[in-house]
């Protein structure tokens, strides 16, 4: 009887795998449509040039009066504002992208795990945007003015816009991911992967890891490194504080009995 069951299970597994691929494609298309729709709206208003000028303002304010940024490529003045607008569209459409990712994995989760969807999407989006805002309004202004004052008087800085975009995107990503640390800590404790006491005992390792990460992703100066490492340590402490209010995980006996009933 087992020999007859085996050939029947293989087509079912293949159909399940194909259905998952179709679902993944559908979710990716929906996320892509959201990003593209926001991108076209931003291109119409306020426009790609205005969005780039807004992004370049911290650097322009640090440059000497009358100094402008340069473009060394032939199509760079067109492509760089388009890339900046696409980046802004991705950030604005981030809640939709995260929801589509969650909707793809949600059918395989239990009901009590699905309740994390809305808090996870909202908190992840807000914290990522807070990290980018902190980088734009505080880090860029401080770092660019420091570099401008440190540069010799015989040098007239004229940054290339493509190199500036690469630097800005790296910093935005670094600070955006850094500000997700409280969410990661709460999820680790909520799911029972790591105990809260264990995370507290890892504070020393976290400080070292924060400065190592900051040294890798930031420019090679002490100011930029500290401006990423210190918030990373503080956000880790914030995550530990928030994790204290997280409900403890169910015991194995309770979870096995309730999850069978609650699974969709």
C-alpha atoms as a PDB file:
ATOM      1  CA  UNK A   1       0.000   0.000   0.000  1.00  0.00           C
ATOM      2  CA  UNK A   2       2.925   2.334   0.705  1.00  0.00           C
ATOM      3  CA  UNK A   3       4.277   1.716  -2.804  1.00  0.00           C
ATOM      4  CA  UNK A   4       0.992   2.865  -4.331  1.00  0.00           C
ATOM      5  CA  UNK A   5       0.845   5.956  -2.130  1.00  0.00           C
ATOM      6  CA  UNK A   6       4.296   7.165  -3.101  1.00  0.00           C
ATOM      7  CA  UNK A   7       3.541   7.829  -6.816  1.00  0.00           C
ATOM      8  CA  UNK A   8       0.366   9.668  -5.817  1.00  0.00           C
ATOM      9  CA  UNK A   9       2.231  11.974  -3.433  1.00  0.00           C
ATOM     10  CA  UNK A  10       4.770  13.090  -6.045  1.00  0.00           C
ATOM     11  CA  UNK A  11       2.224  14.804  -8.371  1.00  0.00           C
ATOM     12  CA  UNK A  12       0.649  16.472  -5.336  1.00  0.00           C
ATOM     13  CA  UNK A  13       4.012  17.830  -4.214  1.00  0.00           C
ATOM     14  CA  UNK A  14       4.746  19.032  -7.747  1.00  0.00           C
ATOM     15  CA  UNK A  15       1.365  20.775  -7.983  1.00  0.00           C
ATOM     16  CA  UNK A  16       1.913  22.399  -4.573  1.00  0.00           C
ATOM     17  CA  UNK A  17       5.354  23.646  -5.646  1.00  0.00           C
ATOM     18  CA  UNK A  18       3.959  25.089  -8.892  1.00  0.00           C
ATOM     19  CA  UNK A  19       1.118  26.791  -7.019  1.00  0.00           C
ATOM     20  CA  UNK A  20       3.645  28.394  -4.666  1.00  0.00           C
ATOM     21  CA  UNK A  21       5.637  29.683  -7.632  1.00  0.00           C
ATOM     22  CA  UNK A  22       2.469  31.138  -9.175  1.00  0.00           C
ATOM     23  CA  UNK A  23       1.592  32.792  -5.856  1.00  0.00           C
ATOM     24  CA  UNK A  24       5.120  34.209  -5.555  1.00  0.00           C
ATOM     25  CA  UNK A  25       4.926  35.619  -9.078  1.00  0.00           C
ATOM     26  CA  UNK A  26       1.568  37.205  -8.318  1.00  0.00           C
ATOM     27  CA  UNK A  27       2.882  38.850  -5.143  1.00  0.00           C
ATOM     28  CA  UNK A  28       5.996  40.138  -6.913  1.00  0.00           C
ATOM     29  CA  UNK A  29       3.903  41.598  -9.728  1.00  0.00           C
ATOM     30  CA  UNK A  30       1.637  43.401  -7.275  1.00  0.00           C
ATOM     31  CA  UNK A  31       4.608  44.814  -5.379  1.00  0.00           C
ATOM     32  CA  UNK A  32       6.231  45.894  -8.647  1.00  0.00           C
ATOM     33  CA  UNK A  33       3.037  47.581  -9.845  1.00  0.00           C
ATOM     34  CA  UNK A  34       2.834  49.562  -6.594  1.00  0.00           C
ATOM     35  CA  UNK A  35       6.434  50.777  -6.950  1.00  0.00           C
ATOM     36  CA  UNK A  36       6.040  51.661 -10.638  1.00  0.00           C
ATOM     37  CA  UNK A  37       2.758  53.504  -9.995  1.00  0.00           C
ATOM     38  CA  UNK A  38       4.353  55.650  -7.278  1.00  0.00           C
ATOM     39  CA  UNK A  39       7.360  56.235  -9.544  1.00  0.00           C
ATOM     40  CA  UNK A  40       5.218  57.632 -12.371  1.00  0.00           C
ATOM     41  CA  UNK A  41       3.296  59.843  -9.962  1.00  0.00           C
ATOM     42  CA  UNK A  42       6.563  61.261  -8.576  1.00  0.00           C
ATOM     43  CA  UNK A  43       7.871  61.862 -12.104  1.00  0.00           C
ATOM     44  CA  UNK A  44       4.775  63.922 -12.849  1.00  0.00           C
ATOM     45  CA  UNK A  45       4.788  65.777  -9.537  1.00  0.00           C
ATOM     46  CA  UNK A  46       7.007  67.111  -8.085  1.00  0.00           C
ATOM     47  CA  UNK A  47       9.375  65.793 -10.762  1.00  0.00           C
ATOM     48  CA  UNK A  48      12.643  63.852 -10.808  1.00  0.00           C
ATOM     49  CA  UNK A  49      14.818  66.980 -10.902  1.00  0.00           C
ATOM     50  CA  UNK A  50      13.164  68.469  -7.833  1.00  0.00           C
ATOM     51  CA  UNK A  51      13.547  65.197  -5.900  1.00  0.00           C
ATOM     52  CA  UNK A  52      17.248  65.038  -6.732  1.00  0.00           C
ATOM     53  CA  UNK A  53      17.767  68.687  -5.748  1.00  0.00           C
ATOM     54  CA  UNK A  54      16.122  67.879  -2.426  1.00  0.00           C
ATOM     55  CA  UNK A  55      18.440  64.909  -1.922  1.00  0.00           C
ATOM     56  CA  UNK A  56      21.511  66.971  -2.853  1.00  0.00           C
ATOM     57  CA  UNK A  57      20.655  69.873  -0.534  1.00  0.00           C
ATOM     58  CA  UNK A  58      22.792  68.683   2.444  1.00  0.00           C
ATOM     59  CA  UNK A  59      25.866  68.452   0.211  1.00  0.00           C
ATOM     60  CA  UNK A  60      25.187  71.769  -1.556  1.00  0.00           C
ATOM     61  CA  UNK A  61      24.779  73.549   1.792  1.00  0.00           C
ATOM     62  CA  UNK A  62      28.211  72.291   2.847  1.00  0.00           C
ATOM     63  CA  UNK A  63      29.972  73.363  -0.358  1.00  0.00           C
ATOM     64  CA  UNK A  64      31.463  76.854  -0.756  1.00  0.00           C
ATOM     65  CA  UNK A  65      29.132  79.532  -2.109  1.00  0.00           C
ATOM     66  CA  UNK A  66      28.670  79.230  -5.852  1.00  0.00           C
ATOM     67  CA  UNK A  67      30.079  75.675  -6.045  1.00  0.00           C
ATOM     68  CA  UNK A  68      27.999  73.051  -7.827  1.00  0.00           C
ATOM     69  CA  UNK A  69      28.136  69.301  -8.231  1.00  0.00           C
ATOM     70  CA  UNK A  70      29.319  67.887 -11.546  1.00  0.00           C
ATOM     71  CA  UNK A  71      28.242  65.113 -13.916  1.00  0.00           C
ATOM     72  CA  UNK A  72      31.013  63.299 -15.803  1.00  0.00           C
ATOM     73  CA  UNK A  73      28.815  60.941 -17.815  1.00  0.00           C
ATOM     74  CA  UNK A  74      26.877  61.813 -20.961  1.00  0.00           C
ATOM     75  CA  UNK A  75      23.492  60.572 -19.697  1.00  0.00           C
ATOM     76  CA  UNK A  76      24.268  60.951 -16.004  1.00  0.00           C
ATOM     77  CA  UNK A  77      22.222  64.185 -15.595  1.00  0.00           C
ATOM     78  CA  UNK A  78      19.190  62.202 -16.770  1.00  0.00           C
ATOM     79  CA  UNK A  79      19.797  58.794 -15.159  1.00  0.00           C
ATOM     80  CA  UNK A  80      20.735  59.937 -11.656  1.00  0.00           C
ATOM     81  CA  UNK A  81      17.483  61.863 -10.985  1.00  0.00           C
ATOM     82  CA  UNK A  82      15.553  58.876 -12.370  1.00  0.00           C
ATOM     83  CA  UNK A  83      17.377  56.532  -9.965  1.00  0.00           C
ATOM     84  CA  UNK A  84      16.690  58.870  -7.058  1.00  0.00           C
ATOM     85  CA  UNK A  85      13.000  58.984  -7.966  1.00  0.00           C
ATOM     86  CA  UNK A  86      12.867  55.195  -8.158  1.00  0.00           C
ATOM     87  CA  UNK A  87      14.472  54.995  -4.721  1.00  0.00           C
ATOM     88  CA  UNK A  88      11.865  57.402  -3.340  1.00  0.00           C
ATOM     89  CA  UNK A  89       9.078  55.363  -4.962  1.00  0.00           C
ATOM     90  CA  UNK A  90      10.390  52.174  -3.352  1.00  0.00           C
ATOM     91  CA  UNK A  91      10.443  53.813   0.073  1.00  0.00           C
ATOM     92  CA  UNK A  92       6.922  55.192  -0.304  1.00  0.00           C
ATOM     93  CA  UNK A  93       5.585  51.842  -1.576  1.00  0.00           C
ATOM     94  CA  UNK A  94       7.467  49.898   1.115  1.00  0.00           C
ATOM     95  CA  UNK A  95       4.306  49.079   3.149  1.00  0.00           C
ATOM     96  CA  UNK A  96       2.745  47.448   0.076  1.00  0.00           C
ATOM     97  CA  UNK A  97       5.941  45.509  -0.671  1.00  0.00           C
ATOM     98  CA  UNK A  98       6.187  44.263   2.921  1.00  0.00           C
ATOM     99  CA  UNK A  99       2.519  43.303   2.952  1.00  0.00           C
ATOM    100  CA  UNK A 100       2.908  41.257  -0.234  1.00  0.00           C
ATOM    101  CA  UNK A 101       5.900  39.471   1.277  1.00  0.00           C
ATOM    102  CA  UNK A 102       3.920  38.736   4.420  1.00  0.00           C
ATOM    103  CA  UNK A 103       0.861  37.572   2.463  1.00  0.00           C
ATOM    104  CA  UNK A 104       3.050  35.035   0.649  1.00  0.00           C
ATOM    105  CA  UNK A 105       4.324  33.381   3.832  1.00  0.00           C
ATOM    106  CA  UNK A 106       1.163  33.864   5.936  1.00  0.00           C
ATOM    107  CA  UNK A 107      -0.686  30.695   4.767  1.00  0.00           C
ATOM    108  CA  UNK A 108       2.045  28.571   6.327  1.00  0.00           C
ATOM    109  CA  UNK A 109       1.817  30.312   9.697  1.00  0.00           C
ATOM    110  CA  UNK A 110      -0.439  29.774  12.685  1.00  0.00           C
ATOM    111  CA  UNK A 111      -3.135  32.247  13.622  1.00  0.00           C
ATOM    112  CA  UNK A 112      -1.276  33.689  16.594  1.00  0.00           C
ATOM    113  CA  UNK A 113       1.707  34.273  14.299  1.00  0.00           C
ATOM    114  CA  UNK A 114      -0.461  36.036  11.720  1.00  0.00           C
ATOM    115  CA  UNK A 115      -1.454  38.588  14.351  1.00  0.00           C
ATOM    116  CA  UNK A 116       2.085  39.973  14.081  1.00  0.00           C
ATOM    117  CA  UNK A 117       1.433  41.123  10.500  1.00  0.00           C
ATOM    118  CA  UNK A 118       0.100  44.640  11.067  1.00  0.00           C
ATOM    119  CA  UNK A 119       2.485  45.627  13.920  1.00  0.00           C
ATOM    120  CA  UNK A 120       5.419  44.185  11.982  1.00  0.00           C
ATOM    121  CA  UNK A 121       4.618  46.030   8.742  1.00  0.00           C
ATOM    122  CA  UNK A 122       3.866  49.362  10.457  1.00  0.00           C
ATOM    123  CA  UNK A 123       6.845  49.308  12.818  1.00  0.00           C
ATOM    124  CA  UNK A 124       9.301  48.116  10.154  1.00  0.00           C
ATOM    125  CA  UNK A 125       8.198  50.837   7.733  1.00  0.00           C
ATOM    126  CA  UNK A 126       8.265  53.627  10.319  1.00  0.00           C
ATOM    127  CA  UNK A 127      11.645  52.602  11.730  1.00  0.00           C
ATOM    128  CA  UNK A 128      13.221  52.338   8.279  1.00  0.00           C
ATOM    129  CA  UNK A 129      11.961  55.801   7.355  1.00  0.00           C
ATOM    130  CA  UNK A 130      13.122  57.162  10.713  1.00  0.00           C
ATOM    131  CA  UNK A 131      16.588  55.791   9.983  1.00  0.00           C
ATOM    132  CA  UNK A 132      16.659  57.505   6.596  1.00  0.00           C
ATOM    133  CA  UNK A 133      15.365  60.755   8.102  1.00  0.00           C
ATOM    134  CA  UNK A 134      18.016  60.655  10.839  1.00  0.00           C
ATOM    135  CA  UNK A 135      20.663  60.125   8.183  1.00  0.00           C
ATOM    136  CA  UNK A 136      19.370  62.934   5.953  1.00  0.00           C
ATOM    137  CA  UNK A 137      18.696  65.643   8.534  1.00  0.00           C
ATOM    138  CA  UNK A 138      21.479  64.949  11.023  1.00  0.00           C
ATOM    139  CA  UNK A 139      24.221  62.665   9.699  1.00  0.00           C
ATOM    140  CA  UNK A 140      24.616  64.199   6.239  1.00  0.00           C
ATOM    141  CA  UNK A 141      24.717  67.760   7.546  1.00  0.00           C
ATOM    142  CA  UNK A 142      27.284  66.910  10.216  1.00  0.00           C
ATOM    143  CA  UNK A 143      29.516  64.738   8.038  1.00  0.00           C
ATOM    144  CA  UNK A 144      29.497  67.030   4.980  1.00  0.00           C
ATOM    145  CA  UNK A 145      30.297  70.137   7.028  1.00  0.00           C
ATOM    146  CA  UNK A 146      33.069  68.241   8.814  1.00  0.00           C
ATOM    147  CA  UNK A 147      34.601  67.152   5.499  1.00  0.00           C
ATOM    148  CA  UNK A 148      34.262  70.647   4.002  1.00  0.00           C
ATOM    149  CA  UNK A 149      35.986  72.266   6.989  1.00  0.00           C
ATOM    150  CA  UNK A 150      38.685  69.611   7.053  1.00  0.00           C
ATOM    151  CA  UNK A 151      39.567  69.977   3.363  1.00  0.00           C
ATOM    152  CA  UNK A 152      42.598  72.202   2.544  1.00  0.00           C
ATOM    153  CA  UNK A 153      41.908  75.690   1.237  1.00  0.00           C
ATOM    154  CA  UNK A 154      43.713  74.836  -2.003  1.00  0.00           C
ATOM    155  CA  UNK A 155      41.051  72.253  -2.883  1.00  0.00           C
ATOM    156  CA  UNK A 156      37.693  73.203  -4.382  1.00  0.00           C
ATOM    157  CA  UNK A 157      35.333  70.267  -3.866  1.00  0.00           C
ATOM    158  CA  UNK A 158      33.040  69.439  -6.779  1.00  0.00           C
ATOM    159  CA  UNK A 159      31.447  66.034  -6.079  1.00  0.00           C
ATOM    160  CA  UNK A 160      30.236  63.899  -8.948  1.00  0.00           C
ATOM    161  CA  UNK A 161      26.479  63.318  -8.749  1.00  0.00           C
ATOM    162  CA  UNK A 162      26.767  59.588  -9.508  1.00  0.00           C
ATOM    163  CA  UNK A 163      29.317  59.057  -6.731  1.00  0.00           C
ATOM    164  CA  UNK A 164      27.126  61.132  -4.416  1.00  0.00           C
ATOM    165  CA  UNK A 165      24.093  58.973  -5.207  1.00  0.00           C
ATOM    166  CA  UNK A 166      26.055  55.793  -4.491  1.00  0.00           C
ATOM    167  CA  UNK A 167      27.201  57.208  -1.152  1.00  0.00           C
ATOM    168  CA  UNK A 168      23.711  58.380  -0.201  1.00  0.00           C
ATOM    169  CA  UNK A 169      22.049  55.061  -1.049  1.00  0.00           C
ATOM    170  CA  UNK A 170      24.646  53.158   0.988  1.00  0.00           C
ATOM    171  CA  UNK A 171      24.128  55.407   3.991  1.00  0.00           C
ATOM    172  CA  UNK A 172      20.329  55.319   3.713  1.00  0.00           C
ATOM    173  CA  UNK A 173      20.375  51.531   3.572  1.00  0.00           C
ATOM    174  CA  UNK A 174      22.793  51.284   6.503  1.00  0.00           C
ATOM    175  CA  UNK A 175      20.780  53.568   8.772  1.00  0.00           C
ATOM    176  CA  UNK A 176      17.427  52.177   7.629  1.00  0.00           C
ATOM    177  CA  UNK A 177      18.476  48.616   8.470  1.00  0.00           C
ATOM    178  CA  UNK A 178      20.072  49.783  11.720  1.00  0.00           C
ATOM    179  CA  UNK A 179      16.799  51.253  12.922  1.00  0.00           C
ATOM    180  CA  UNK A 180      15.146  47.838  12.422  1.00  0.00           C
ATOM    181  CA  UNK A 181      17.106  46.403  15.363  1.00  0.00           C
ATOM    182  CA  UNK A 182      14.232  46.821  17.908  1.00  0.00           C
ATOM    183  CA  UNK A 183      11.898  44.854  15.620  1.00  0.00           C
ATOM    184  CA  UNK A 184      14.473  42.075  15.252  1.00  0.00           C
ATOM    185  CA  UNK A 185      15.016  41.880  19.015  1.00  0.00           C
ATOM    186  CA  UNK A 186      11.281  41.752  19.758  1.00  0.00           C
ATOM    187  CA  UNK A 187      10.725  39.050  17.123  1.00  0.00           C
ATOM    188  CA  UNK A 188      13.573  36.939  18.490  1.00  0.00           C
ATOM    189  CA  UNK A 189      12.065  37.078  21.964  1.00  0.00           C
ATOM    190  CA  UNK A 190       8.454  36.728  20.782  1.00  0.00           C
ATOM    191  CA  UNK A 191       9.166  33.587  18.780  1.00  0.00           C
ATOM    192  CA  UNK A 192      11.331  32.103  21.514  1.00  0.00           C
ATOM    193  CA  UNK A 193      14.411  31.814  19.302  1.00  0.00           C
ATOM    194  CA  UNK A 194      16.524  33.661  21.879  1.00  0.00           C
ATOM    195  CA  UNK A 195      15.739  34.300  25.538  1.00  0.00           C
ATOM    196  CA  UNK A 196      15.694  37.894  26.760  1.00  0.00           C
ATOM    197  CA  UNK A 197      18.324  37.156  29.428  1.00  0.00           C
ATOM    198  CA  UNK A 198      20.599  35.732  26.750  1.00  0.00           C
ATOM    199  CA  UNK A 199      20.313  38.920  24.677  1.00  0.00           C
ATOM    200  CA  UNK A 200      21.054  41.039  27.734  1.00  0.00           C
ATOM    201  CA  UNK A 201      24.217  39.059  28.363  1.00  0.00           C
ATOM    202  CA  UNK A 202      25.355  39.813  24.788  1.00  0.00           C
ATOM    203  CA  UNK A 203      25.538  43.596  25.284  1.00  0.00           C
ATOM    204  CA  UNK A 204      29.332  43.646  25.152  1.00  0.00           C
ATOM    205  CA  UNK A 205      29.421  41.657  21.924  1.00  0.00           C
ATOM    206  CA  UNK A 206      26.750  43.927  20.463  1.00  0.00           C
ATOM    207  CA  UNK A 207      28.837  47.050  21.114  1.00  0.00           C
ATOM    208  CA  UNK A 208      31.831  45.508  19.346  1.00  0.00           C
ATOM    209  CA  UNK A 209      29.654  44.313  16.447  1.00  0.00           C
ATOM    210  CA  UNK A 210      28.066  47.770  16.133  1.00  0.00           C
ATOM    211  CA  UNK A 211      31.436  49.483  15.656  1.00  0.00           C
ATOM    212  CA  UNK A 212      32.633  46.774  13.263  1.00  0.00           C
ATOM    213  CA  UNK A 213      29.480  47.136  11.122  1.00  0.00           C
ATOM    214  CA  UNK A 214      29.755  50.922  11.221  1.00  0.00           C
ATOM    215  CA  UNK A 215      33.392  50.778  10.163  1.00  0.00           C
ATOM    216  CA  UNK A 216      32.486  48.641   7.146  1.00  0.00           C
ATOM    217  CA  UNK A 217      29.449  50.532   5.799  1.00  0.00           C
ATOM    218  CA  UNK A 218      30.357  54.164   6.593  1.00  0.00           C
ATOM    219  CA  UNK A 219      33.099  56.409   5.160  1.00  0.00           C
ATOM    220  CA  UNK A 220      36.546  55.958   6.722  1.00  0.00           C
ATOM    221  CA  UNK A 221      36.216  58.611   9.409  1.00  0.00           C
ATOM    222  CA  UNK A 222      35.547  58.305  13.122  1.00  0.00           C
ATOM    223  CA  UNK A 223      32.606  60.707  13.102  1.00  0.00           C
ATOM    224  CA  UNK A 224      30.514  58.718  10.621  1.00  0.00           C
ATOM    225  CA  UNK A 225      31.346  55.454  12.359  1.00  0.00           C
ATOM    226  CA  UNK A 226      30.221  56.760  15.764  1.00  0.00           C
ATOM    227  CA  UNK A 227      27.050  58.257  14.311  1.00  0.00           C
ATOM    228  CA  UNK A 228      26.001  54.784  13.153  1.00  0.00           C
ATOM    229  CA  UNK A 229      27.415  52.642  15.972  1.00  0.00           C
ATOM    230  CA  UNK A 230      25.972  54.674  18.861  1.00  0.00           C
ATOM    231  CA  UNK A 231      22.359  54.623  17.537  1.00  0.00           C
ATOM    232  CA  UNK A 232      22.762  50.906  16.840  1.00  0.00           C
ATOM    233  CA  UNK A 233      23.650  50.271  20.490  1.00  0.00           C
ATOM    234  CA  UNK A 234      20.830  52.507  21.737  1.00  0.00           C
ATOM    235  CA  UNK A 235      18.299  50.811  19.464  1.00  0.00           C
ATOM    236  CA  UNK A 236      19.423  47.428  20.737  1.00  0.00           C
ATOM    237  CA  UNK A 237      18.702  48.630  24.280  1.00  0.00           C
ATOM    238  CA  UNK A 238      15.320  49.932  23.102  1.00  0.00           C
ATOM    239  CA  UNK A 239      14.563  46.515  21.660  1.00  0.00           C
ATOM    240  CA  UNK A 240      15.451  44.866  24.964  1.00  0.00           C
ATOM    241  CA  UNK A 241      13.135  47.274  26.773  1.00  0.00           C
ATOM    242  CA  UNK A 242      10.259  46.594  24.356  1.00  0.00           C
ATOM    243  CA  UNK A 243      10.844  42.835  24.547  1.00  0.00           C
ATOM    244  CA  UNK A 244      10.041  42.908  28.270  1.00  0.00           C
ATOM    245  CA  UNK A 245       6.393  43.546  27.424  1.00  0.00           C
ATOM    246  CA  UNK A 246       6.166  40.727  24.883  1.00  0.00           C
ATOM    247  CA  UNK A 247       3.987  37.821  25.913  1.00  0.00           C
ATOM    248  CA  UNK A 248       6.020  34.690  26.656  1.00  0.00           C
ATOM    249  CA  UNK A 249       5.786  31.931  24.123  1.00  0.00           C
ATOM    250  CA  UNK A 250       3.250  29.182  24.710  1.00  0.00           C
ATOM    251  CA  UNK A 251       4.445  25.937  26.161  1.00  0.00           C
ATOM    252  CA  UNK A 252       4.949  23.125  23.687  1.00  0.00           C
ATOM    253  CA  UNK A 253       1.870  21.238  24.911  1.00  0.00           C
ATOM    254  CA  UNK A 254      -0.417  24.277  24.619  1.00  0.00           C
ATOM    255  CA  UNK A 255       1.000  25.306  21.264  1.00  0.00           C
ATOM    256  CA  UNK A 256       0.608  21.841  19.736  1.00  0.00           C
ATOM    257  CA  UNK A 257      -3.013  21.615  20.851  1.00  0.00           C
ATOM    258  CA  UNK A 258      -4.154  25.132  19.930  1.00  0.00           C
ATOM    259  CA  UNK A 259      -2.231  25.485  16.672  1.00  0.00           C
ATOM    260  CA  UNK A 260      -3.945  22.424  15.192  1.00  0.00           C
ATOM    261  CA  UNK A 261      -7.283  24.142  15.743  1.00  0.00           C
ATOM    262  CA  UNK A 262      -6.158  27.625  14.695  1.00  0.00           C
ATOM    263  CA  UNK A 263      -4.283  26.693  11.497  1.00  0.00           C
ATOM    264  CA  UNK A 264      -6.154  27.887   8.431  1.00  0.00           C
END
